[in-house]
């Protein structure tokens, strides 16, 4: 009697383990959107559990038809075989996803590097073309003061000219500094910075730019404000340079810790997939939004303008922290 009892206990434990495995497999089915691997595993576990049940009956002296055990064994073999085949497909799919993720990360890094290099080139050009000639002119004016035989009137004229050139140089420095990091962005936030940027562009272009926002005095992390400001500037500059539009509209909202930017122009449009990684600054925008963990979607067709929506999860800063920025 001892041996059958021990076998009953062992088979019962095995049956219990099968039931636990079935429960976990059912959970995996739901989590993996009913992947066939786990469905086959459940069927296999059920068949094995039934096989264990008949083994208990056999141990206790019950008559069990031999073909039932054979059928159950075949069923288990078929389920396991197909599960292995689907598992192989799953592994191949995961490897493909990893390759695509690595490619996407390389593209983001490439876009970031291109953006940095573009910023350096612009900075270098502004210094060379804007500030360089002014400083050279000031140097020549100061050198002229060392000449002998100058009358008082000539010296006053040279000093006056040098003062004017230096004032222009200072104005150029302020403009370059403002382009690199607008002071209004640091002092008053992204909404006011965008409003000033739009005002400046509206005075220089015939394109109507409409800006609306629900932001008032809310402040956010410095990186968030700078990136959102740069993204808006990039979108507007792209439309002005490439789209041939006559109207631009953008809305900046903040609700329940989410900043939402809606942007549209009535330009000639383009193919977003074709342009995402090869121009118009879209890759730069995508990489900047991704760095904040945000979402960037764009919709455009040729001849129908473009629409873009950017959402970023953020937290506003308390008012007492504004002064520390």
Protein backbone atom coordinates (compact mmCIF):
# COMPACT_ATOMS: atom_id res chain seq x y z
CA UNK A 1 0.00 0.00 0.00
CA UNK A 2 2.95 2.27 0.64
CA UNK A 3 4.05 2.39 -2.98
CA UNK A 4 0.69 3.37 -4.55
CA UNK A 5 0.22 6.08 -1.89
CA UNK A 6 3.65 7.56 -2.65
CA UNK A 7 2.91 7.48 -6.36
CA UNK A 8 -0.44 9.15 -5.77
CA UNK A 9 1.29 11.94 -3.84
CA UNK A 10 3.93 12.44 -6.55
CA UNK A 11 1.37 12.45 -9.37
CA UNK A 12 -0.87 14.81 -7.38
CA UNK A 13 2.05 17.23 -6.89
CA UNK A 14 2.82 17.05 -10.61
CA UNK A 15 -0.85 17.72 -11.36
CA UNK A 16 -0.81 20.73 -9.03
CA UNK A 17 2.28 22.11 -10.75
CA UNK A 18 0.55 21.71 -14.12
CA UNK A 19 -2.42 23.74 -12.84
CA UNK A 20 -0.09 26.50 -11.60
CA UNK A 21 1.65 26.52 -14.99
CA UNK A 22 -1.72 26.78 -16.73
CA UNK A 23 -2.64 29.83 -14.61
CA UNK A 24 0.63 31.60 -15.47
CA UNK A 25 0.24 30.69 -19.13
CA UNK A 26 -3.26 32.21 -19.15
CA UNK A 27 -1.83 35.44 -17.72
CA UNK A 28 0.86 35.47 -20.38
CA UNK A 29 -1.79 34.99 -23.06
CA UNK A 30 -3.51 38.19 -21.95
CA UNK A 31 -0.26 40.14 -21.58
CA UNK A 32 1.04 39.09 -25.02
CA UNK A 33 -2.25 39.71 -26.83
CA UNK A 34 -3.12 36.03 -27.18
CA UNK A 35 0.17 34.87 -28.64
CA UNK A 36 -0.18 31.35 -30.09
CA UNK A 37 2.80 30.05 -28.09
CA UNK A 38 1.04 30.38 -24.76
CA UNK A 39 -2.25 29.07 -26.11
CA UNK A 40 -0.44 25.93 -27.30
CA UNK A 41 1.31 25.68 -23.94
CA UNK A 42 -2.04 25.85 -22.14
CA UNK A 43 -3.46 23.10 -24.34
CA UNK A 44 -0.33 21.03 -23.76
CA UNK A 45 -0.51 21.55 -19.98
CA UNK A 46 -4.19 20.58 -19.95
CA UNK A 47 -3.43 17.40 -21.87
CA UNK A 48 -0.56 16.60 -19.50
CA UNK A 49 -2.85 17.23 -16.52
CA UNK A 50 -5.43 14.86 -17.99
CA UNK A 51 -2.66 12.33 -18.54
CA UNK A 52 -1.62 12.68 -14.88
CA UNK A 53 -5.23 12.16 -13.83
CA UNK A 54 -5.44 8.88 -15.76
CA UNK A 55 -2.12 7.83 -14.23
CA UNK A 56 -3.66 8.33 -10.77
CA UNK A 57 -6.58 6.16 -11.81
CA UNK A 58 -4.21 3.53 -13.16
CA UNK A 59 -2.15 3.54 -9.95
CA UNK A 60 -5.34 3.02 -7.94
CA UNK A 61 -6.24 -0.02 -10.00
CA UNK A 62 -8.76 1.59 -12.36
CA UNK A 63 -8.87 0.28 -15.91
CA UNK A 64 -7.64 2.90 -18.39
CA UNK A 65 -7.76 2.37 -22.11
CA UNK A 66 -4.25 2.28 -23.57
CA UNK A 67 -5.18 4.34 -26.64
CA UNK A 68 -6.18 7.26 -24.38
CA UNK A 69 -2.62 7.60 -23.09
CA UNK A 70 -1.29 7.35 -26.63
CA UNK A 71 -3.68 10.06 -27.86
CA UNK A 72 -2.78 12.34 -24.98
CA UNK A 73 0.93 11.84 -25.62
CA UNK A 74 0.50 12.63 -29.31
CA UNK A 75 -1.48 15.75 -28.46
CA UNK A 76 1.22 16.94 -26.06
CA UNK A 77 3.93 16.30 -28.67
CA UNK A 78 2.03 18.24 -31.34
CA UNK A 79 1.41 21.22 -29.00
CA UNK A 80 5.05 21.34 -27.88
CA UNK A 81 6.32 21.08 -31.47
CA UNK A 82 4.16 23.94 -32.72
CA UNK A 83 4.98 26.01 -29.62
CA UNK A 84 8.70 25.63 -30.41
CA UNK A 85 8.10 26.72 -34.02
CA UNK A 86 6.16 29.80 -32.88
CA UNK A 87 8.84 30.51 -30.28
CA UNK A 88 11.43 30.52 -33.06
CA UNK A 89 9.33 33.05 -34.97
CA UNK A 90 8.97 35.14 -31.81
CA UNK A 91 12.74 35.16 -31.25
CA UNK A 92 13.29 36.20 -34.88
CA UNK A 93 10.74 38.99 -34.46
CA UNK A 94 12.41 40.23 -31.26
CA UNK A 95 15.79 40.24 -32.98
CA UNK A 96 14.30 42.26 -35.84
CA UNK A 97 12.77 44.71 -33.36
CA UNK A 98 16.16 45.08 -31.64
CA UNK A 99 17.82 45.84 -34.97
CA UNK A 100 15.16 48.42 -35.81
CA UNK A 101 15.51 50.00 -32.36
CA UNK A 102 19.29 50.18 -32.78
CA UNK A 103 18.84 51.75 -36.23
CA UNK A 104 16.36 54.27 -34.82
CA UNK A 105 18.75 55.16 -32.00
CA UNK A 106 21.56 55.68 -34.52
CA UNK A 107 19.29 57.93 -36.56
CA UNK A 108 18.40 59.95 -33.48
CA UNK A 109 22.07 60.31 -32.57
CA UNK A 110 22.88 61.32 -36.13
CA UNK A 111 20.10 63.92 -36.05
CA UNK A 112 21.41 65.30 -32.75
CA UNK A 113 24.93 65.55 -34.13
CA UNK A 114 23.68 67.25 -37.30
CA UNK A 115 21.70 69.72 -35.19
CA UNK A 116 24.73 70.49 -33.04
CA UNK A 117 26.94 70.94 -36.10
CA UNK A 118 24.31 73.15 -37.74
CA UNK A 119 24.16 75.31 -34.60
CA UNK A 120 27.95 75.62 -34.54
CA UNK A 121 28.03 76.63 -38.20
CA UNK A 122 25.35 79.27 -37.67
CA UNK A 123 27.16 80.60 -34.62
CA UNK A 124 30.44 80.73 -36.52
CA UNK A 125 28.79 82.47 -39.48
CA UNK A 126 27.16 85.09 -37.26
CA UNK A 127 30.46 85.83 -35.54
CA UNK A 128 32.39 85.96 -38.82
CA UNK A 129 29.88 87.90 -40.92
CA UNK A 130 28.33 90.07 -38.24
CA UNK A 131 30.77 90.75 -35.44
CA UNK A 132 34.06 90.28 -37.33
CA UNK A 133 33.76 93.23 -39.76
CA UNK A 134 32.61 95.56 -36.98
CA UNK A 135 35.58 94.74 -34.77
CA UNK A 136 37.94 95.09 -37.74
CA UNK A 137 36.48 98.52 -38.50
CA UNK A 138 36.90 99.55 -34.85
CA UNK A 139 40.51 98.40 -34.92
CA UNK A 140 41.24 100.45 -38.04
CA UNK A 141 39.61 103.51 -36.51
CA UNK A 142 41.70 103.18 -33.36
CA UNK A 143 44.84 102.71 -35.46
CA UNK A 144 44.04 105.93 -37.29
CA UNK A 145 44.24 107.81 -34.00
CA UNK A 146 47.94 107.03 -33.75
CA UNK A 147 48.71 108.95 -36.93
CA UNK A 148 50.52 112.24 -36.46
CA UNK A 149 49.23 115.54 -37.68
CA UNK A 150 45.56 114.91 -37.00
CA UNK A 151 43.47 117.91 -36.15
CA UNK A 152 41.16 117.94 -33.16
CA UNK A 153 38.17 117.77 -35.48
CA UNK A 154 39.59 114.70 -37.24
CA UNK A 155 40.26 112.99 -33.90
CA UNK A 156 36.71 113.68 -32.74
CA UNK A 157 35.36 112.23 -36.00
CA UNK A 158 37.45 109.08 -35.60
CA UNK A 159 36.37 108.66 -31.97
CA UNK A 160 32.75 109.19 -32.93
CA UNK A 161 33.02 106.62 -35.74
CA UNK A 162 34.73 104.13 -33.42
CA UNK A 163 32.03 104.61 -30.78
CA UNK A 164 29.32 103.98 -33.38
CA UNK A 165 31.04 100.81 -34.62
CA UNK A 166 31.46 99.50 -31.07
CA UNK A 167 27.78 100.16 -30.35
CA UNK A 168 26.89 98.15 -33.45
CA UNK A 169 29.20 95.37 -32.25
CA UNK A 170 27.47 95.33 -28.87
CA UNK A 171 24.09 95.18 -30.60
CA UNK A 172 25.32 92.28 -32.71
CA UNK A 173 26.55 90.46 -29.60
CA UNK A 174 23.13 90.90 -27.99
CA UNK A 175 21.41 89.51 -31.09
CA UNK A 176 23.72 86.50 -31.19
CA UNK A 177 23.20 85.93 -27.48
CA UNK A 178 19.45 86.21 -27.92
CA UNK A 179 19.51 83.65 -30.74
CA UNK A 180 21.53 81.24 -28.62
CA UNK A 181 19.43 81.63 -25.47
CA UNK A 182 16.69 84.27 -25.49
CA UNK A 183 16.68 86.25 -22.27
CA UNK A 184 12.90 86.50 -22.37
CA UNK A 185 12.74 82.68 -22.29
CA UNK A 186 14.84 82.60 -19.14
CA UNK A 187 12.92 85.44 -17.48
CA UNK A 188 9.30 84.91 -18.52
CA UNK A 189 8.96 81.38 -19.94
CA UNK A 190 8.25 79.66 -23.21
CA UNK A 191 4.91 81.33 -24.01
CA UNK A 192 6.31 84.86 -23.92
CA UNK A 193 9.47 83.79 -25.77
CA UNK A 194 7.40 82.28 -28.60
CA UNK A 195 5.19 85.38 -28.68
CA UNK A 196 8.27 87.62 -29.11
CA UNK A 197 9.72 85.30 -31.77
CA UNK A 198 6.45 85.36 -33.73
CA UNK A 199 6.28 89.16 -33.46
CA UNK A 200 9.78 89.56 -34.88
CA UNK A 201 9.10 87.21 -37.78
CA UNK A 202 5.74 88.81 -38.56
CA UNK A 203 7.50 92.15 -38.99
CA UNK A 204 9.97 90.64 -41.47
CA UNK A 205 7.67 88.34 -43.50
CA UNK A 206 4.37 88.54 -45.33
CA UNK A 207 3.25 85.21 -43.84
CA UNK A 208 0.46 85.53 -41.28
CA UNK A 209 1.48 83.73 -38.07
CA UNK A 210 -1.29 83.10 -35.54
CA UNK A 211 -0.23 82.06 -32.04
CA UNK A 212 -2.60 81.08 -29.23
CA UNK A 213 -1.76 79.66 -25.82
CA UNK A 214 -3.41 78.77 -22.53
CA UNK A 215 -0.12 79.29 -20.71
CA UNK A 216 0.11 82.34 -18.48
CA UNK A 217 2.73 82.29 -15.71
CA UNK A 218 3.47 78.55 -15.65
CA UNK A 219 7.14 77.68 -15.62
CA UNK A 220 8.75 74.32 -16.37
CA UNK A 221 12.12 72.65 -16.24
CA UNK A 222 14.69 74.66 -18.18
CA UNK A 223 15.41 71.84 -20.65
CA UNK A 224 11.70 71.45 -21.39
CA UNK A 225 11.22 75.16 -22.09
CA UNK A 226 14.31 75.44 -24.28
CA UNK A 227 13.50 72.35 -26.33
CA UNK A 228 9.86 73.32 -26.89
CA UNK A 229 10.95 76.82 -27.89
CA UNK A 230 13.57 75.45 -30.31
CA UNK A 231 11.07 73.00 -31.80
CA UNK A 232 8.58 75.80 -32.46
CA UNK A 233 11.30 77.95 -34.03
CA UNK A 234 12.37 75.01 -36.21
CA UNK A 235 8.83 74.34 -37.38
CA UNK A 236 8.19 77.99 -38.25
CA UNK A 237 11.54 78.39 -40.03
CA UNK A 238 10.91 75.22 -42.03
CA UNK A 239 7.52 76.52 -43.16
CA UNK A 240 8.94 79.92 -44.11
CA UNK A 241 11.88 78.44 -46.04
CA UNK A 242 10.37 75.40 -47.72
CA UNK A 243 6.57 75.33 -47.76
CA UNK A 244 5.64 78.52 -49.63
CA UNK A 245 2.81 79.02 -47.16
CA UNK A 246 0.85 82.21 -46.57
CA UNK A 247 -0.49 81.31 -43.12
CA UNK A 248 0.84 79.52 -40.04
CA UNK A 249 -1.14 78.70 -36.93
CA UNK A 250 0.16 77.25 -33.68
CA UNK A 251 -1.47 76.55 -30.34
CA UNK A 252 0.38 75.81 -27.12
CA UNK A 253 -1.73 74.29 -24.34
CA UNK A 254 -1.00 73.00 -20.86
CA UNK A 255 -3.52 70.74 -19.16
CA UNK A 256 -3.13 68.03 -16.52
CA UNK A 257 0.69 67.99 -16.68
CA UNK A 258 0.73 67.69 -20.48
CA UNK A 259 2.03 70.35 -22.88
CA UNK A 260 0.40 70.05 -26.29
CA UNK A 261 1.64 71.89 -29.36
CA UNK A 262 -0.59 71.96 -32.44
CA UNK A 263 1.03 73.39 -35.56
CA UNK A 264 -0.26 73.85 -39.10
CA UNK A 265 0.59 75.70 -42.31
CA UNK A 266 -1.15 75.96 -45.69
CA UNK A 267 1.99 75.33 -47.75
CA UNK A 268 2.69 72.91 -50.56
CA UNK A 269 3.00 69.90 -48.25
CA UNK A 270 5.33 66.92 -48.51
CA UNK A 271 5.72 63.21 -47.78
CA UNK A 272 6.52 62.95 -44.03
CA UNK A 273 8.08 59.49 -44.29
CA UNK A 274 10.38 60.57 -47.09
CA UNK A 275 11.48 63.72 -45.28
CA UNK A 276 11.75 62.49 -41.69
CA UNK A 277 15.42 61.53 -41.92
CA UNK A 278 16.68 63.55 -44.84
CA UNK A 279 15.89 67.21 -44.42
CA UNK A 280 13.64 70.06 -43.35
CA UNK A 281 14.77 69.64 -39.75
CA UNK A 282 12.12 66.99 -39.00
CA UNK A 283 14.72 64.54 -37.70
CA UNK A 284 16.06 67.27 -35.43
CA UNK A 285 12.57 67.97 -34.11
CA UNK A 286 11.88 64.26 -33.60
CA UNK A 287 15.11 63.74 -31.66
CA UNK A 288 14.47 66.77 -29.44
CA UNK A 289 10.93 65.64 -28.61
CA UNK A 290 12.15 62.09 -27.97
CA UNK A 291 14.73 63.43 -25.52
CA UNK A 292 11.80 64.67 -23.40
CA UNK A 293 9.93 61.38 -23.72
CA UNK A 294 7.26 63.12 -25.80
CA UNK A 295 5.31 62.17 -28.91
CA UNK A 296 5.67 63.81 -32.32
CA UNK A 297 3.14 63.09 -35.06
CA UNK A 298 3.00 64.81 -38.42
CA UNK A 299 0.46 64.67 -41.22
CA UNK A 300 1.03 66.18 -44.63
CA UNK A 301 0.13 65.61 -48.26
CA UNK A 302 1.40 67.38 -51.32
CA UNK A 303 -0.68 70.45 -51.99
CA UNK A 304 -2.50 70.23 -48.66
CA UNK A 305 -0.09 71.83 -46.19
CA UNK A 306 1.03 70.11 -43.01
CA UNK A 307 -0.20 69.49 -39.48
CA UNK A 308 1.91 68.46 -36.50
CA UNK A 309 1.04 67.57 -32.91
CA UNK A 310 3.60 67.34 -30.11
CA UNK A 311 2.73 66.20 -26.59
CA UNK A 312 5.12 66.21 -23.65
CA UNK A 313 4.45 65.08 -20.07
CA UNK A 314 5.81 67.74 -17.72
CA UNK A 315 5.37 69.24 -14.26
CA UNK A 316 5.12 72.95 -13.66
CA UNK A 317 7.45 74.61 -11.17
CA UNK A 318 6.19 76.39 -8.04
CA UNK A 319 6.17 80.17 -8.28
CA UNK A 320 8.89 80.50 -5.65
CA UNK A 321 11.31 78.68 -7.93
CA UNK A 322 10.98 81.07 -10.81
CA UNK A 323 13.63 83.36 -9.41
CA UNK A 324 16.15 80.54 -9.22
CA UNK A 325 16.10 79.77 -12.90
